[in-house]
C-alpha atoms as a PDB file:
ATOM      1  CA  UNK A   1    -120.382  13.483  43.534  1.00  0.00           C
ATOM      2  CA  UNK A   2    -121.533  16.913  44.814  1.00  0.00           C
ATOM      3  CA  UNK A   3    -121.103  15.739  48.473  1.00  0.00           C
ATOM      4  CA  UNK A   4    -117.588  14.577  47.759  1.00  0.00           C
ATOM      5  CA  UNK A   5    -116.719  17.987  46.024  1.00  0.00           C
ATOM      6  CA  UNK A   6    -118.335  19.856  48.894  1.00  0.00           C
ATOM      7  CA  UNK A   7    -116.523  17.808  51.502  1.00  0.00           C
ATOM      8  CA  UNK A   8    -113.290  18.440  49.589  1.00  0.00           C
ATOM      9  CA  UNK A   9    -113.989  22.187  49.224  1.00  0.00           C
ATOM     10  CA  UNK A  10    -114.743  22.391  52.871  1.00  0.00           C
ATOM     11  CA  UNK A  11    -111.485  20.492  53.642  1.00  0.00           C
ATOM     12  CA  UNK A  12    -109.453  22.814  51.504  1.00  0.00           C
ATOM     13  CA  UNK A  13    -111.052  25.864  53.143  1.00  0.00           C
ATOM     14  CA  UNK A  14    -110.129  24.539  56.560  1.00  0.00           C
ATOM     15  CA  UNK A  15    -106.556  23.832  55.390  1.00  0.00           C
ATOM     16  CA  UNK A  16    -106.085  27.329  53.852  1.00  0.00           C
ATOM     17  CA  UNK A  17    -107.275  29.171  56.941  1.00  0.00           C
ATOM     18  CA  UNK A  18    -104.824  30.903  58.980  1.00  0.00           C
ATOM     19  CA  UNK A  19    -104.410  28.936  62.293  1.00  0.00           C
ATOM     20  CA  UNK A  20    -103.410  31.634  64.820  1.00  0.00           C
ATOM     21  CA  UNK A  21    -102.798  30.878  68.431  1.00  0.00           C
ATOM     22  CA  UNK A  22    -104.797  32.970  70.685  1.00  0.00           C
ATOM     23  CA  UNK A  23    -103.006  35.454  73.016  1.00  0.00           C
ATOM     24  CA  UNK A  24    -104.717  34.013  76.118  1.00  0.00           C
ATOM     25  CA  UNK A  25    -103.777  30.469  75.236  1.00  0.00           C
ATOM     26  CA  UNK A  26    -100.072  31.582  74.667  1.00  0.00           C
ATOM     27  CA  UNK A  27     -99.993  33.352  77.979  1.00  0.00           C
ATOM     28  CA  UNK A  28    -101.630  30.349  79.665  1.00  0.00           C
ATOM     29  CA  UNK A  29     -98.794  28.063  78.273  1.00  0.00           C
ATOM     30  CA  UNK A  30     -95.983  30.582  79.223  1.00  0.00           C
ATOM     31  CA  UNK A  31     -97.566  30.843  82.742  1.00  0.00           C
ATOM     32  CA  UNK A  32     -97.783  27.081  83.145  1.00  0.00           C
ATOM     33  CA  UNK A  33     -94.060  26.710  82.065  1.00  0.00           C
ATOM     34  CA  UNK A  34     -92.924  29.608  84.559  1.00  0.00           C
ATOM     35  CA  UNK A  35     -94.849  27.815  87.461  1.00  0.00           C
ATOM     36  CA  UNK A  36     -93.181  24.581  86.513  1.00  0.00           C
ATOM     37  CA  UNK A  37     -89.802  26.090  86.442  1.00  0.00           C
ATOM     38  CA  UNK A  38     -90.445  27.824  89.648  1.00  0.00           C
ATOM     39  CA  UNK A  39     -91.325  24.417  91.367  1.00  0.00           C
ATOM     40  CA  UNK A  40     -88.610  22.325  89.681  1.00  0.00           C
ATOM     41  CA  UNK A  41     -85.546  24.622  89.773  1.00  0.00           C
ATOM     42  CA  UNK A  42     -85.344  25.097  93.566  1.00  0.00           C
ATOM     43  CA  UNK A  43     -85.798  21.347  94.103  1.00  0.00           C
ATOM     44  CA  UNK A  44     -82.935  20.694  91.742  1.00  0.00           C
ATOM     45  CA  UNK A  45     -80.741  23.389  93.593  1.00  0.00           C
ATOM     46  CA  UNK A  46     -81.583  21.994  96.981  1.00  0.00           C
ATOM     47  CA  UNK A  47     -80.740  18.420  95.941  1.00  0.00           C
ATOM     48  CA  UNK A  48     -77.434  19.532  94.497  1.00  0.00           C
ATOM     49  CA  UNK A  49     -76.609  21.406  97.713  1.00  0.00           C
ATOM     50  CA  UNK A  50     -77.501  18.299  99.852  1.00  0.00           C
ATOM     51  CA  UNK A  51     -75.198  16.149  97.608  1.00  0.00           C
ATOM     52  CA  UNK A  52     -72.265  18.536  97.905  1.00  0.00           C
ATOM     53  CA  UNK A  53     -72.696  18.880 101.667  1.00  0.00           C
ATOM     54  CA  UNK A  54     -73.030  15.188 102.220  1.00  0.00           C
ATOM     55  CA  UNK A  55     -69.868  14.643 100.081  1.00  0.00           C
ATOM     56  CA  UNK A  56     -67.934  17.067 102.273  1.00  0.00           C
ATOM     57  CA  UNK A  57     -69.335  15.391 105.490  1.00  0.00           C
ATOM     58  CA  UNK A  58     -68.151  12.117 104.218  1.00  0.00           C
ATOM     59  CA  UNK A  59     -64.730  13.479 103.521  1.00  0.00           C
ATOM     60  CA  UNK A  60     -64.478  15.043 106.983  1.00  0.00           C
ATOM     61  CA  UNK A  61     -65.572  11.856 108.523  1.00  0.00           C
ATOM     62  CA  UNK A  62     -62.943   9.804 106.811  1.00  0.00           C
ATOM     63  CA  UNK A  63     -60.310  12.375 107.959  1.00  0.00           C
ATOM     64  CA  UNK A  64     -61.704  12.142 111.516  1.00  0.00           C
ATOM     65  CA  UNK A  65     -61.247   8.372 111.409  1.00  0.00           C
ATOM     66  CA  UNK A  66     -57.752   8.529 110.149  1.00  0.00           C
ATOM     67  CA  UNK A  67     -56.864  11.238 112.870  1.00  0.00           C
ATOM     68  CA  UNK A  68     -58.502   9.173 115.603  1.00  0.00           C
ATOM     69  CA  UNK A  69     -56.441   6.101 114.607  1.00  0.00           C
ATOM     70  CA  UNK A  70     -53.272   8.205 114.498  1.00  0.00           C
ATOM     71  CA  UNK A  71     -54.141   9.591 117.797  1.00  0.00           C
ATOM     72  CA  UNK A  72     -54.552   6.164 119.229  1.00  0.00           C
ATOM     73  CA  UNK A  73     -51.169   5.095 117.857  1.00  0.00           C
ATOM     74  CA  UNK A  74     -49.510   8.203 119.362  1.00  0.00           C
ATOM     75  CA  UNK A  75     -51.017   7.479 122.793  1.00  0.00           C
ATOM     76  CA  UNK A  76     -49.628   4.011 122.584  1.00  0.00           C
ATOM     77  CA  UNK A  77     -46.190   5.286 121.788  1.00  0.00           C
ATOM     78  CA  UNK A  78     -46.394   7.851 124.443  1.00  0.00           C
ATOM     79  CA  UNK A  79     -47.383   5.182 127.042  1.00  0.00           C
ATOM     80  CA  UNK A  80     -44.532   2.987 125.917  1.00  0.00           C
ATOM     81  CA  UNK A  81     -42.046   5.853 126.218  1.00  0.00           C
ATOM     82  CA  UNK A  82     -43.440   6.536 129.712  1.00  0.00           C
ATOM     83  CA  UNK A  83     -43.036   3.053 130.677  1.00  0.00           C
ATOM     84  CA  UNK A  84     -39.503   2.849 129.340  1.00  0.00           C
ATOM     85  CA  UNK A  85     -38.698   6.190 131.233  1.00  0.00           C
ATOM     86  CA  UNK A  86     -40.106   4.824 134.539  1.00  0.00           C
ATOM     87  CA  UNK A  87     -38.171   1.564 134.139  1.00  0.00           C
ATOM     88  CA  UNK A  88     -34.978   3.319 133.305  1.00  0.00           C
ATOM     89  CA  UNK A  89     -35.466   5.777 136.200  1.00  0.00           C
ATOM     90  CA  UNK A  90     -35.935   2.986 138.545  1.00  0.00           C
ATOM     91  CA  UNK A  91     -32.960   1.156 137.206  1.00  0.00           C
ATOM     92  CA  UNK A  92     -30.750   4.363 137.522  1.00  0.00           C
ATOM     93  CA  UNK A  93     -32.000   4.978 140.998  1.00  0.00           C
ATOM     94  CA  UNK A  94     -31.071   1.527 141.959  1.00  0.00           C
ATOM     95  CA  UNK A  95     -27.655   1.808 140.345  1.00  0.00           C
ATOM     96  CA  UNK A  96     -27.165   5.187 142.120  1.00  0.00           C
ATOM     97  CA  UNK A  97     -28.091   3.675 145.475  1.00  0.00           C
ATOM     98  CA  UNK A  98     -25.565   0.885 145.175  1.00  0.00           C
END
């Protein structure tokens, strides 16, 4: 019985002791967290910047494709107008000559 009592008393003493964290250990934890943040935060910032820039590039690329298609259509219309003008000019020249 005395062994059990002694063990219980020792256990009670351990439970009643103040459990203080040492200053060095606390500083080590804070320093570790600081280093982790210094590594992780720039990575997150760079990834966000890459995302926003790629989104802008995609938007500009789609606008470029639309404008290129519009340019192609306008060139076709211009060519059609030039052709009509040449044909009409030749017709008017023939009419004037007669």
